Amino acid sequence: MESQGLKVVAVDPHDATAFRAWHDAATAGAGADRPDPPVWSYAEAAVSYQRPNSSFRREVFVALDDGVVVGAGELGLPLRENPQLAMFEIAVPPERRNRGVGSALFTYVTERVRAEGRSSLLTEVNVPDGIDPAEWPGVRFATRHGLTLRNTELRRQLPLPVDSLHLDTLASKAAQRASDYRLTSWAGPCPDEYAEQYAQLKARLSTDAPLGAVEYEAEVWDVARLRESEEQTIAQGRTLYTTIALAPDGAVAGHTQLAVPNDDSARAFQWDTLVLPEHRGHRLGLALKVANTRELSAAHPEVERIDTWNAVQNGPMVAVNVELGYRILEALQEWQRDL
């Protein structure tokens, strides 16, 4: 599509030159003026967009001005659940803003989403801590294009290594109520003996994690979906570190997971942490995260920080992160609208 002299075109992720130009623009726009922005490397993005995925389809596109890439976008289409939903991101480098580039990209998004027969748009806006959201470019853009704020998560970061005495104190605190549970950890894919239960834990995150007013259907996971997800993570060059809690009867009661990317060896990402409702109140969240943090630091002493995201209304998990020493860096706002 073309708008005010701009042309927006799809990008073939297998075209290395075109995909590199997309990645450069997307990274420059998405990371601008943010603290320590956690953006995908070129290699990670290439794997994500080149490998077929039975649960999610991704598309990328750019805005061109006289053949020069001036903005980038991506579209994510859930394929199992949420058939009405389309997730999108738009990134415009600061020097290219206020020239209609973002609006041209958004017009392309709406045209593609309607062509796919979908009716709901969802995007994220990251606002650095201490900034008035009303003054942030992404918030102004989302508001201007009819999206409404549905949920807010806070991105926190934990400097590593955490003092061993502090971890000992937290572990002892958790053990006072979690002594009936056994923790076990692994690196890489989930062992077969836990895979079925672990897949169900992954599914529960889509229903148990606070979503505010975001309209999102529960995900359905099985072992095949779990293995496909793990295979993509490995292909991206990320190593997973997982700790689970086993109840006295041997059932998996909860889990936590960290990911370490090869392309950014000083950073790790906190992924899922979940304790099943019937096992809450035993400080398992704290016990799990302390144990997994130790596993990560032992295996990767070069990792200097962990990023995590939690909904502001998720009091128990926020409290665990504060106890560990995580500090707020920015807010991740989720914006949605119907077409």
C-alpha atoms as a PDB file:
ATOM      1  CA  MET A   1       0.000   0.000   0.000  1.00  0.00           C
ATOM      2  CA  GLU A   2       1.044   3.630  -0.533  1.00  0.00           C
ATOM      3  CA  SER A   3       0.285   6.686   1.595  1.00  0.00           C
ATOM      4  CA  GLN A   4       1.537  10.266   1.161  1.00  0.00           C
ATOM      5  CA  GLY A   5       4.431   9.131  -1.010  1.00  0.00           C
ATOM      6  CA  LEU A   6       5.340   6.294   1.348  1.00  0.00           C
ATOM      7  CA  LYS A   7       5.133   2.682   0.268  1.00  0.00           C
ATOM      8  CA  VAL A   8       4.641  -0.200   2.722  1.00  0.00           C
ATOM      9  CA  VAL A   9       5.701  -3.638   1.509  1.00  0.00           C
ATOM     10  CA  ALA A  10       5.973  -7.128   2.952  1.00  0.00           C
ATOM     11  CA  VAL A  11       9.457  -8.486   3.635  1.00  0.00           C
ATOM     12  CA  ASP A  12      10.555 -12.031   2.885  1.00  0.00           C
ATOM     13  CA  PRO A  13      12.424 -13.161   6.025  1.00  0.00           C
ATOM     14  CA  HIS A  14      14.516 -15.486   3.841  1.00  0.00           C
ATOM     15  CA  ASP A  15      15.849 -12.472   1.907  1.00  0.00           C
ATOM     16  CA  ALA A  16      18.885 -11.688   4.060  1.00  0.00           C
ATOM     17  CA  THR A  17      19.378  -8.133   2.762  1.00  0.00           C
ATOM     18  CA  ALA A  18      15.742  -7.106   3.096  1.00  0.00           C
ATOM     19  CA  PHE A  19      15.368  -8.798   6.461  1.00  0.00           C
ATOM     20  CA  ARG A  20      18.524  -7.119   7.785  1.00  0.00           C
ATOM     21  CA  ALA A  21      17.124  -3.724   6.765  1.00  0.00           C
ATOM     22  CA  TRP A  22      13.855  -4.576   8.517  1.00  0.00           C
ATOM     23  CA  HIS A  23      15.706  -5.668  11.664  1.00  0.00           C
ATOM     24  CA  ASP A  24      17.872  -2.546  11.736  1.00  0.00           C
ATOM     25  CA  ALA A  25      14.844  -0.248  11.517  1.00  0.00           C
ATOM     26  CA  ALA A  26      12.791  -2.300  13.976  1.00  0.00           C
ATOM     27  CA  THR A  27      15.611  -2.321  16.528  1.00  0.00           C
ATOM     28  CA  ALA A  28      16.325   1.395  16.152  1.00  0.00           C
ATOM     29  CA  GLY A  29      12.671   2.274  16.622  1.00  0.00           C
ATOM     30  CA  ALA A  30      11.760  -0.199  19.361  1.00  0.00           C
ATOM     31  CA  GLY A  31      14.826   0.526  21.479  1.00  0.00           C
ATOM     32  CA  ALA A  32      14.961   4.301  21.189  1.00  0.00           C
ATOM     33  CA  ASP A  33      15.242   6.194  24.498  1.00  0.00           C
ATOM     34  CA  ARG A  34      14.566   3.074  26.576  1.00  0.00           C
ATOM     35  CA  PRO A  35      16.762   1.787  29.411  1.00  0.00           C
ATOM     36  CA  ASP A  36      18.795  -1.256  28.344  1.00  0.00           C
ATOM     37  CA  PRO A  37      16.207  -2.309  25.727  1.00  0.00           C
ATOM     38  CA  PRO A  38      15.797  -6.101  25.428  1.00  0.00           C
ATOM     39  CA  VAL A  39      15.524  -6.546  21.661  1.00  0.00           C
ATOM     40  CA  TRP A  40      16.034  -9.698  19.623  1.00  0.00           C
ATOM     41  CA  SER A  41      19.333 -10.124  17.813  1.00  0.00           C
ATOM     42  CA  TYR A  42      19.260 -10.560  14.058  1.00  0.00           C
ATOM     43  CA  ALA A  43      19.882 -14.299  14.413  1.00  0.00           C
ATOM     44  CA  GLU A  44      17.087 -14.751  16.967  1.00  0.00           C
ATOM     45  CA  ALA A  45      14.640 -12.808  14.823  1.00  0.00           C
ATOM     46  CA  ALA A  46      15.597 -14.706  11.685  1.00  0.00           C
ATOM     47  CA  VAL A  47      14.830 -18.046  13.329  1.00  0.00           C
ATOM     48  CA  SER A  48      11.540 -16.777  14.718  1.00  0.00           C
ATOM     49  CA  TYR A  49      10.314 -15.547  11.346  1.00  0.00           C
ATOM     50  CA  GLN A  50      11.775 -18.253   9.119  1.00  0.00           C
ATOM     51  CA  ARG A  51      10.699 -21.358  11.042  1.00  0.00           C
ATOM     52  CA  PRO A  52       7.074 -22.491  10.595  1.00  0.00           C
ATOM     53  CA  ASN A  53       5.111 -22.651  13.841  1.00  0.00           C
ATOM     54  CA  SER A  54       1.825 -24.503  14.244  1.00  0.00           C
ATOM     55  CA  SER A  55       0.564 -22.055  16.886  1.00  0.00           C
ATOM     56  CA  PHE A  56       1.578 -18.669  15.514  1.00  0.00           C
ATOM     57  CA  ARG A  57       2.252 -17.041  12.144  1.00  0.00           C
ATOM     58  CA  ARG A  58       4.502 -14.001  11.860  1.00  0.00           C
ATOM     59  CA  GLU A  59       4.816 -11.448   9.074  1.00  0.00           C
ATOM     60  CA  VAL A  60       7.184  -8.503   8.701  1.00  0.00           C
ATOM     61  CA  PHE A  61       6.945  -5.375   6.577  1.00  0.00           C
ATOM     62  CA  VAL A  62       8.667  -2.036   6.067  1.00  0.00           C
ATOM     63  CA  ALA A  63       7.823   1.509   5.042  1.00  0.00           C
ATOM     64  CA  LEU A  64       9.901   2.778   2.131  1.00  0.00           C
ATOM     65  CA  ASP A  65      10.559   6.384   1.152  1.00  0.00           C
ATOM     66  CA  ASP A  66      12.274   6.547  -2.217  1.00  0.00           C
ATOM     67  CA  GLY A  67      13.544   3.025  -1.640  1.00  0.00           C
ATOM     68  CA  VAL A  68      14.953   3.767   1.823  1.00  0.00           C
ATOM     69  CA  VAL A  69      13.577   1.869   4.817  1.00  0.00           C
ATOM     70  CA  VAL A  70      12.103   4.458   7.208  1.00  0.00           C
ATOM     71  CA  GLY A  71       9.998   2.224   9.470  1.00  0.00           C
ATOM     72  CA  ALA A  72       9.297  -1.404  10.281  1.00  0.00           C
ATOM     73  CA  GLY A  73       6.435  -3.493  11.542  1.00  0.00           C
ATOM     74  CA  GLU A  74       5.438  -7.005  12.378  1.00  0.00           C
ATOM     75  CA  LEU A  75       2.174  -8.901  12.586  1.00  0.00           C
ATOM     76  CA  GLY A  76       1.492 -11.972  14.707  1.00  0.00           C
ATOM     77  CA  LEU A  77      -1.505 -14.210  14.049  1.00  0.00           C
ATOM     78  CA  PRO A  78      -2.438 -16.902  16.602  1.00  0.00           C
ATOM     79  CA  LEU A  79      -3.388 -20.110  14.770  1.00  0.00           C
ATOM     80  CA  ARG A  80      -4.880 -22.317  17.502  1.00  0.00           C
ATOM     81  CA  GLU A  81      -6.738 -20.044  19.898  1.00  0.00           C
ATOM     82  CA  ASN A  82      -7.785 -16.404  19.499  1.00  0.00           C
ATOM     83  CA  PRO A  83      -8.756 -16.618  15.803  1.00  0.00           C
ATOM     84  CA  GLN A  84     -10.120 -13.076  15.987  1.00  0.00           C
ATOM     85  CA  LEU A  85      -6.870 -11.576  17.295  1.00  0.00           C
ATOM     86  CA  ALA A  86      -3.943  -9.949  15.522  1.00  0.00           C
ATOM     87  CA  MET A  87      -0.881  -8.749  17.418  1.00  0.00           C
ATOM     88  CA  PHE A  88       1.241  -6.039  15.864  1.00  0.00           C
ATOM     89  CA  GLU A  89       4.248  -3.849  16.506  1.00  0.00           C
ATOM     90  CA  ILE A  90       5.289  -0.693  14.705  1.00  0.00           C
ATOM     91  CA  ALA A  91       8.759   0.831  15.055  1.00  0.00           C
ATOM     92  CA  VAL A  92       9.979   4.082  13.546  1.00  0.00           C
ATOM     93  CA  PRO A  93      13.527   5.318  14.198  1.00  0.00           C
ATOM     94  CA  PRO A  94      13.445   8.705  15.996  1.00  0.00           C
ATOM     95  CA  GLU A  95      14.879  10.641  13.040  1.00  0.00           C
ATOM     96  CA  ARG A  96      12.029   9.361  10.818  1.00  0.00           C
ATOM     97  CA  ARG A  97       9.144  10.195  13.135  1.00  0.00           C
ATOM     98  CA  ASN A  98       6.358  12.760  12.675  1.00  0.00           C
ATOM     99  CA  ARG A  99       6.307  12.235   8.915  1.00  0.00           C
ATOM    100  CA  GLY A 100       3.356   9.849   8.633  1.00  0.00           C
ATOM    101  CA  VAL A 101       5.484   6.697   8.631  1.00  0.00           C
ATOM    102  CA  GLY A 102       3.789   5.130  11.659  1.00  0.00           C
ATOM    103  CA  SER A 103       0.332   5.900  10.313  1.00  0.00           C
ATOM    104  CA  ALA A 104       1.200   4.343   6.947  1.00  0.00           C
ATOM    105  CA  LEU A 105       2.391   1.204   8.722  1.00  0.00           C
ATOM    106  CA  PHE A 106      -0.781   1.122  10.826  1.00  0.00           C
ATOM    107  CA  THR A 107      -2.947   1.397   7.714  1.00  0.00           C
ATOM    108  CA  TYR A 108      -1.100  -1.593   6.297  1.00  0.00           C
ATOM    109  CA  VAL A 109      -1.738  -3.512   9.539  1.00  0.00           C
ATOM    110  CA  THR A 110      -5.478  -2.847   9.467  1.00  0.00           C
ATOM    111  CA  GLU A 111      -5.722  -3.848   5.807  1.00  0.00           C
ATOM    112  CA  ARG A 112      -3.852  -7.109   6.420  1.00  0.00           C
ATOM    113  CA  VAL A 113      -5.879  -7.908   9.534  1.00  0.00           C
ATOM    114  CA  ARG A 114      -9.177  -7.366   7.741  1.00  0.00           C
ATOM    115  CA  ALA A 115      -7.939  -9.498   4.846  1.00  0.00           C
ATOM    116  CA  GLU A 116      -7.279 -12.269   7.369  1.00  0.00           C
ATOM    117  CA  GLY A 117     -10.829 -11.974   8.702  1.00  0.00           C
ATOM    118  CA  ARG A 118      -9.735 -10.833  12.160  1.00  0.00           C
ATOM    119  CA  SER A 119     -11.375  -8.192  14.285  1.00  0.00           C
ATOM    120  CA  SER A 120      -9.153  -7.365  17.262  1.00  0.00           C
ATOM    121  CA  LEU A 121      -5.799  -5.562  17.369  1.00  0.00           C
ATOM    122  CA  LEU A 122      -3.343  -5.872  20.258  1.00  0.00           C
ATOM    123  CA  THR A 123       0.001  -4.130  20.700  1.00  0.00           C
ATOM    124  CA  GLU A 124       2.518  -3.226  23.410  1.00  0.00           C
ATOM    125  CA  VAL A 125       4.050   0.109  24.352  1.00  0.00           C
ATOM    126  CA  ASN A 126       7.119   0.309  26.603  1.00  0.00           C
ATOM    127  CA  VAL A 127       7.363   3.463  28.736  1.00  0.00           C
ATOM    128  CA  PRO A 128      10.553   4.128  30.755  1.00  0.00           C
ATOM    129  CA  ASP A 129      10.073   4.570  34.486  1.00  0.00           C
ATOM    130  CA  GLY A 130       9.757   8.218  35.482  1.00  0.00           C
ATOM    131  CA  ILE A 131       8.330   9.308  32.115  1.00  0.00           C
ATOM    132  CA  ASP A 132       4.817  10.735  31.893  1.00  0.00           C
ATOM    133  CA  PRO A 133       3.038   8.175  29.679  1.00  0.00           C
ATOM    134  CA  ALA A 134       0.965  10.909  28.062  1.00  0.00           C
ATOM    135  CA  GLU A 135       4.202  12.373  26.674  1.00  0.00           C
ATOM    136  CA  TRP A 136       5.596   9.094  25.336  1.00  0.00           C
ATOM    137  CA  PRO A 137       5.470   8.711  21.509  1.00  0.00           C
ATOM    138  CA  GLY A 138       4.078   5.170  21.581  1.00  0.00           C
ATOM    139  CA  VAL A 139       1.247   6.118  23.927  1.00  0.00           C
ATOM    140  CA  ARG A 140       0.317   9.138  21.829  1.00  0.00           C
ATOM    141  CA  PHE A 141       0.354   6.952  18.713  1.00  0.00           C
ATOM    142  CA  ALA A 142      -1.840   4.240  20.236  1.00  0.00           C
ATOM    143  CA  THR A 143      -4.342   6.787  21.546  1.00  0.00           C
ATOM    144  CA  ARG A 144      -4.498   8.614  18.230  1.00  0.00           C
ATOM    145  CA  HIS A 145      -5.279   5.374  16.404  1.00  0.00           C
ATOM    146  CA  GLY A 146      -8.156   4.338  18.636  1.00  0.00           C
ATOM    147  CA  LEU A 147      -6.529   1.766  20.897  1.00  0.00           C
ATOM    148  CA  THR A 148      -7.251   1.738  24.625  1.00  0.00           C
ATOM    149  CA  LEU A 149      -5.009   0.756  27.514  1.00  0.00           C
ATOM    150  CA  ARG A 150      -6.085  -2.677  28.792  1.00  0.00           C
ATOM    151  CA  ASN A 151      -3.263  -3.845  31.078  1.00  0.00           C
ATOM    152  CA  THR A 152       0.085  -2.709  32.484  1.00  0.00           C
ATOM    153  CA  GLU A 153       3.079  -4.825  33.399  1.00  0.00           C
ATOM    154  CA  LEU A 154       6.273  -3.536  34.978  1.00  0.00           C
ATOM    155  CA  ARG A 155       9.631  -4.613  33.660  1.00  0.00           C
ATOM    156  CA  ARG A 156      12.080  -5.141  36.478  1.00  0.00           C
ATOM    157  CA  GLN A 157      15.740  -6.075  36.367  1.00  0.00           C
ATOM    158  CA  LEU A 158      17.841  -8.039  38.835  1.00  0.00           C
ATOM    159  CA  PRO A 159      21.608  -7.366  38.948  1.00  0.00           C
ATOM    160  CA  LEU A 160      23.700 -10.536  39.193  1.00  0.00           C
ATOM    161  CA  PRO A 161      25.242 -12.150  41.067  1.00  0.00           C
ATOM    162  CA  VAL A 162      22.834 -11.929  43.986  1.00  0.00           C
ATOM    163  CA  ASP A 163      24.632 -12.076  47.330  1.00  0.00           C
ATOM    164  CA  SER A 164      24.714 -15.719  48.425  1.00  0.00           C
ATOM    165  CA  LEU A 165      23.819 -14.821  52.014  1.00  0.00           C
ATOM    166  CA  HIS A 166      20.711 -13.011  50.770  1.00  0.00           C
ATOM    167  CA  LEU A 167      19.677 -16.072  48.735  1.00  0.00           C
ATOM    168  CA  ASP A 168      20.306 -18.307  51.753  1.00  0.00           C
ATOM    169  CA  THR A 169      18.051 -16.099  53.866  1.00  0.00           C
ATOM    170  CA  LEU A 170      15.268 -16.163  51.287  1.00  0.00           C
ATOM    171  CA  ALA A 171      15.574 -19.919  50.810  1.00  0.00           C
ATOM    172  CA  SER A 172      15.280 -20.466  54.568  1.00  0.00           C
ATOM    173  CA  LYS A 173      12.273 -18.177  54.675  1.00  0.00           C
ATOM    174  CA  ALA A 174      10.557 -20.145  51.906  1.00  0.00           C
ATOM    175  CA  ALA A 175      11.468 -23.512  53.464  1.00  0.00           C
ATOM    176  CA  GLN A 176       9.449 -22.695  56.561  1.00  0.00           C
ATOM    177  CA  ARG A 177       6.277 -23.271  54.535  1.00  0.00           C
ATOM    178  CA  ALA A 178       7.565 -25.262  51.544  1.00  0.00           C
ATOM    179  CA  SER A 179       9.313 -28.074  53.372  1.00  0.00           C
ATOM    180  CA  ASP A 180       6.813 -30.690  52.135  1.00  0.00           C
ATOM    181  CA  TYR A 181       7.766 -29.937  48.520  1.00  0.00           C
ATOM    182  CA  ARG A 182      10.833 -31.080  46.597  1.00  0.00           C
ATOM    183  CA  LEU A 183      12.547 -28.870  44.027  1.00  0.00           C
ATOM    184  CA  THR A 184      14.219 -30.254  40.935  1.00  0.00           C
ATOM    185  CA  SER A 185      15.985 -28.361  38.138  1.00  0.00           C
ATOM    186  CA  TRP A 186      17.201 -28.982  34.610  1.00  0.00           C
ATOM    187  CA  ALA A 187      18.804 -27.197  31.680  1.00  0.00           C
ATOM    188  CA  GLY A 188      17.344 -27.497  28.195  1.00  0.00           C
ATOM    189  CA  PRO A 189      14.148 -29.355  27.231  1.00  0.00           C
ATOM    190  CA  CYS A 190      11.752 -30.705  29.840  1.00  0.00           C
ATOM    191  CA  PRO A 191      12.465 -34.330  30.827  1.00  0.00           C
ATOM    192  CA  ASP A 192       9.910 -36.754  29.392  1.00  0.00           C
ATOM    193  CA  GLU A 193       8.696 -37.781  32.842  1.00  0.00           C
ATOM    194  CA  TYR A 194       7.367 -34.276  33.518  1.00  0.00           C
ATOM    195  CA  ALA A 195       6.435 -33.186  29.993  1.00  0.00           C
ATOM    196  CA  GLU A 196       2.686 -33.776  30.132  1.00  0.00           C
ATOM    197  CA  GLN A 197       2.232 -31.993  33.450  1.00  0.00           C
ATOM    198  CA  TYR A 198       4.611 -29.243  32.383  1.00  0.00           C
ATOM    199  CA  ALA A 199       2.614 -28.582  29.212  1.00  0.00           C
ATOM    200  CA  GLN A 200      -0.458 -28.068  31.381  1.00  0.00           C
ATOM    201  CA  LEU A 201       1.443 -25.549  33.500  1.00  0.00           C
ATOM    202  CA  LYS A 202       2.284 -23.622  30.332  1.00  0.00           C
ATOM    203  CA  ALA A 203      -1.410 -23.575  29.437  1.00  0.00           C
ATOM    204  CA  ARG A 204      -2.412 -22.326  32.872  1.00  0.00           C
ATOM    205  CA  LEU A 205      -0.261 -19.221  32.497  1.00  0.00           C
ATOM    206  CA  SER A 206      -2.640 -17.865  29.834  1.00  0.00           C
ATOM    207  CA  THR A 207      -5.528 -18.060  32.308  1.00  0.00           C
ATOM    208  CA  ASP A 208      -3.834 -17.435  35.658  1.00  0.00           C
ATOM    209  CA  ALA A 209      -1.562 -14.506  34.783  1.00  0.00           C
ATOM    210  CA  PRO A 210      -3.457 -11.219  35.265  1.00  0.00           C
ATOM    211  CA  LEU A 211      -4.507  -9.758  31.899  1.00  0.00           C
ATOM    212  CA  GLY A 212      -6.522  -6.780  33.063  1.00  0.00           C
ATOM    213  CA  ALA A 213      -9.071  -5.963  30.357  1.00  0.00           C
ATOM    214  CA  VAL A 214      -7.140  -7.611  27.513  1.00  0.00           C
ATOM    215  CA  GLU A 215      -9.418  -9.860  25.477  1.00  0.00           C
ATOM    216  CA  TYR A 216      -7.485 -13.100  25.107  1.00  0.00           C
ATOM    217  CA  GLU A 217      -8.677 -16.697  25.026  1.00  0.00           C
ATOM    218  CA  ALA A 218      -6.994 -19.409  27.100  1.00  0.00           C
ATOM    219  CA  GLU A 219      -4.294 -21.385  25.323  1.00  0.00           C
ATOM    220  CA  VAL A 220      -4.363 -25.166  24.981  1.00  0.00           C
ATOM    221  CA  TRP A 221      -1.009 -26.916  25.368  1.00  0.00           C
ATOM    222  CA  ASP A 222       0.045 -30.518  24.894  1.00  0.00           C
ATOM    223  CA  VAL A 223       3.438 -32.216  24.770  1.00  0.00           C
ATOM    224  CA  ALA A 224       3.740 -31.648  21.017  1.00  0.00           C
ATOM    225  CA  ARG A 225       3.255 -27.910  21.455  1.00  0.00           C
ATOM    226  CA  LEU A 226       5.756 -27.868  24.305  1.00  0.00           C
ATOM    227  CA  ARG A 227       8.378 -29.651  22.212  1.00  0.00           C
ATOM    228  CA  GLU A 228       7.833 -27.341  19.252  1.00  0.00           C
ATOM    229  CA  SER A 229       8.329 -24.327  21.516  1.00  0.00           C
ATOM    230  CA  GLU A 230      11.512 -25.812  22.963  1.00  0.00           C
ATOM    231  CA  GLU A 231      12.878 -26.606  19.504  1.00  0.00           C
ATOM    232  CA  GLN A 232      12.408 -23.017  18.399  1.00  0.00           C
ATOM    233  CA  THR A 233      14.111 -21.740  21.551  1.00  0.00           C
ATOM    234  CA  ILE A 234      17.101 -24.006  20.892  1.00  0.00           C
ATOM    235  CA  ALA A 235      17.234 -22.894  17.251  1.00  0.00           C
ATOM    236  CA  GLN A 236      17.339 -19.272  18.426  1.00  0.00           C
ATOM    237  CA  GLY A 237      20.404 -20.082  20.484  1.00  0.00           C
ATOM    238  CA  ARG A 238      18.699 -19.778  23.854  1.00  0.00           C
ATOM    239  CA  THR A 239      19.270 -22.134  26.773  1.00  0.00           C
ATOM    240  CA  LEU A 240      16.428 -22.731  29.214  1.00  0.00           C
ATOM    241  CA  TYR A 241      16.899 -23.232  32.957  1.00  0.00           C
ATOM    242  CA  THR A 242      13.848 -24.603  34.725  1.00  0.00           C
ATOM    243  CA  THR A 243      13.006 -25.469  38.312  1.00  0.00           C
ATOM    244  CA  ILE A 244       9.808 -27.245  39.341  1.00  0.00           C
ATOM    245  CA  ALA A 245       8.241 -27.980  42.711  1.00  0.00           C
ATOM    246  CA  LEU A 246       6.978 -31.508  43.305  1.00  0.00           C
ATOM    247  CA  ALA A 247       4.190 -32.071  45.821  1.00  0.00           C
ATOM    248  CA  PRO A 248       4.386 -34.967  48.317  1.00  0.00           C
ATOM    249  CA  ASP A 249       2.379 -37.132  45.897  1.00  0.00           C
ATOM    250  CA  GLY A 250       4.865 -36.433  43.094  1.00  0.00           C
ATOM    251  CA  ALA A 251       2.617 -34.049  41.142  1.00  0.00           C
ATOM    252  CA  VAL A 252       4.161 -30.922  39.616  1.00  0.00           C
ATOM    253  CA  ALA A 253       2.913 -28.039  41.765  1.00  0.00           C
ATOM    254  CA  GLY A 254       4.685 -25.109  40.138  1.00  0.00           C
ATOM    255  CA  HIS A 255       7.595 -24.006  37.992  1.00  0.00           C
ATOM    256  CA  THR A 256       9.830 -21.134  36.972  1.00  0.00           C
ATOM    257  CA  GLN A 257      11.968 -20.727  33.883  1.00  0.00           C
ATOM    258  CA  LEU A 258      14.886 -18.552  32.745  1.00  0.00           C
ATOM    259  CA  ALA A 259      16.262 -18.169  29.221  1.00  0.00           C
ATOM    260  CA  VAL A 260      19.851 -17.238  28.345  1.00  0.00           C
ATOM    261  CA  PRO A 261      20.483 -16.024  24.772  1.00  0.00           C
ATOM    262  CA  ASN A 262      23.797 -16.858  23.117  1.00  0.00           C
ATOM    263  CA  ASP A 263      23.810 -13.470  21.392  1.00  0.00           C
ATOM    264  CA  ASP A 264      23.620 -11.493  24.639  1.00  0.00           C
ATOM    265  CA  SER A 265      25.561 -13.514  27.168  1.00  0.00           C
ATOM    266  CA  ALA A 266      25.319 -10.846  29.884  1.00  0.00           C
ATOM    267  CA  ARG A 267      21.506 -10.983  30.011  1.00  0.00           C
ATOM    268  CA  ALA A 268      18.892 -13.572  30.956  1.00  0.00           C
ATOM    269  CA  PHE A 269      15.129 -13.434  30.684  1.00  0.00           C
ATOM    270  CA  GLN A 270      12.675 -14.577  33.318  1.00  0.00           C
ATOM    271  CA  TRP A 271       9.929 -16.458  31.536  1.00  0.00           C
ATOM    272  CA  ASP A 272       7.035 -18.263  33.189  1.00  0.00           C
ATOM    273  CA  THR A 273       6.609 -18.574  36.929  1.00  0.00           C
ATOM    274  CA  LEU A 274       3.421 -20.265  38.108  1.00  0.00           C
ATOM    275  CA  VAL A 275       2.197 -22.149  41.164  1.00  0.00           C
ATOM    276  CA  LEU A 276      -1.069 -24.051  40.808  1.00  0.00           C
ATOM    277  CA  PRO A 277      -3.876 -22.593  42.952  1.00  0.00           C
ATOM    278  CA  GLU A 278      -4.156 -25.651  45.186  1.00  0.00           C
ATOM    279  CA  HIS A 279      -0.485 -25.330  46.125  1.00  0.00           C
ATOM    280  CA  ARG A 280      -0.323 -21.602  46.806  1.00  0.00           C
ATOM    281  CA  GLY A 281       0.401 -20.183  50.247  1.00  0.00           C
ATOM    282  CA  HIS A 282       3.582 -22.243  50.740  1.00  0.00           C
ATOM    283  CA  ARG A 283       6.098 -19.665  49.456  1.00  0.00           C
ATOM    284  CA  LEU A 284       6.783 -21.897  46.466  1.00  0.00           C
ATOM    285  CA  GLY A 285       7.166 -18.915  44.145  1.00  0.00           C
ATOM    286  CA  LEU A 286      10.028 -17.614  46.266  1.00  0.00           C
ATOM    287  CA  ALA A 287      11.596 -21.057  46.689  1.00  0.00           C
ATOM    288  CA  LEU A 288      11.453 -21.733  42.945  1.00  0.00           C
ATOM    289  CA  LYS A 289      12.970 -18.417  41.901  1.00  0.00           C
ATOM    290  CA  VAL A 290      15.770 -18.557  44.452  1.00  0.00           C
ATOM    291  CA  ALA A 291      16.730 -22.062  43.319  1.00  0.00           C
ATOM    292  CA  ASN A 292      16.566 -21.228  39.623  1.00  0.00           C
ATOM    293  CA  THR A 293      18.574 -18.032  40.064  1.00  0.00           C
ATOM    294  CA  ARG A 294      21.280 -20.109  41.703  1.00  0.00           C
ATOM    295  CA  GLU A 295      21.203 -22.653  38.877  1.00  0.00           C
ATOM    296  CA  LEU A 296      21.576 -19.900  36.305  1.00  0.00           C
ATOM    297  CA  SER A 297      24.466 -18.148  38.045  1.00  0.00           C
ATOM    298  CA  ALA A 298      26.324 -21.426  38.567  1.00  0.00           C
ATOM    299  CA  ALA A 299      26.027 -22.316  34.879  1.00  0.00           C
ATOM    300  CA  HIS A 300      26.512 -18.787  33.510  1.00  0.00           C
ATOM    301  CA  PRO A 301      28.595 -16.588  35.824  1.00  0.00           C
ATOM    302  CA  GLU A 302      28.924 -14.148  32.921  1.00  0.00           C
ATOM    303  CA  VAL A 303      25.217 -13.207  33.126  1.00  0.00           C
ATOM    304  CA  GLU A 304      24.966  -9.780  34.756  1.00  0.00           C
ATOM    305  CA  ARG A 305      21.214  -9.186  34.873  1.00  0.00           C
ATOM    306  CA  ILE A 306      17.780 -10.794  34.541  1.00  0.00           C
ATOM    307  CA  ASP A 307      14.736  -9.058  33.060  1.00  0.00           C
ATOM    308  CA  THR A 308      11.230  -9.941  34.226  1.00  0.00           C
ATOM    309  CA  TRP A 309       7.713  -8.633  33.577  1.00  0.00           C
ATOM    310  CA  ASN A 310       4.727  -8.731  35.946  1.00  0.00           C
ATOM    311  CA  ALA A 311       1.249  -7.225  35.842  1.00  0.00           C
ATOM    312  CA  VAL A 312       0.932  -4.442  38.395  1.00  0.00           C
ATOM    313  CA  GLN A 313      -2.010  -6.282  39.995  1.00  0.00           C
ATOM    314  CA  ASN A 314      -0.003  -9.503  40.478  1.00  0.00           C
ATOM    315  CA  GLY A 315       0.850  -8.731  44.105  1.00  0.00           C
ATOM    316  CA  PRO A 316       2.314 -12.103  45.165  1.00  0.00           C
ATOM    317  CA  MET A 317       4.777 -12.366  42.282  1.00  0.00           C
ATOM    318  CA  VAL A 318       5.736  -8.699  42.529  1.00  0.00           C
ATOM    319  CA  ALA A 319       6.492  -9.239  46.225  1.00  0.00           C
ATOM    320  CA  VAL A 320       8.767 -12.182  45.385  1.00  0.00           C
ATOM    321  CA  ASN A 321      10.678 -10.125  42.841  1.00  0.00           C
ATOM    322  CA  VAL A 322      11.080  -7.221  45.242  1.00  0.00           C
ATOM    323  CA  GLU A 323      12.445  -9.601  47.882  1.00  0.00           C
ATOM    324  CA  LEU A 324      14.987 -10.918  45.391  1.00  0.00           C
ATOM    325  CA  GLY A 325      16.109  -7.394  44.531  1.00  0.00           C
ATOM    326  CA  TYR A 326      14.504  -6.633  41.159  1.00  0.00           C
ATOM    327  CA  ARG A 327      14.266  -2.918  40.299  1.00  0.00           C
ATOM    328  CA  ILE A 328      11.732  -1.206  38.026  1.00  0.00           C
ATOM    329  CA  LEU A 329      12.999  -0.061  34.613  1.00  0.00           C
ATOM    330  CA  GLU A 330       9.857   0.572  32.594  1.00  0.00           C
ATOM    331  CA  ALA A 331       6.178  -0.166  32.115  1.00  0.00           C
ATOM    332  CA  LEU A 332       4.906  -2.457  29.377  1.00  0.00           C
ATOM    333  CA  GLN A 333       1.431  -1.288  28.430  1.00  0.00           C
ATOM    334  CA  GLU A 334      -0.956  -3.482  26.445  1.00  0.00           C
ATOM    335  CA  TRP A 335      -3.280  -1.607  24.101  1.00  0.00           C
ATOM    336  CA  GLN A 336      -6.206  -3.132  22.193  1.00  0.00           C
ATOM    337  CA  ARG A 337      -9.055  -2.151  19.886  1.00  0.00           C
ATOM    338  CA  ASP A 338     -11.703  -3.718  17.699  1.00  0.00           C
ATOM    339  CA  LEU A 339     -11.747  -3.197  13.958  1.00  0.00           C
END
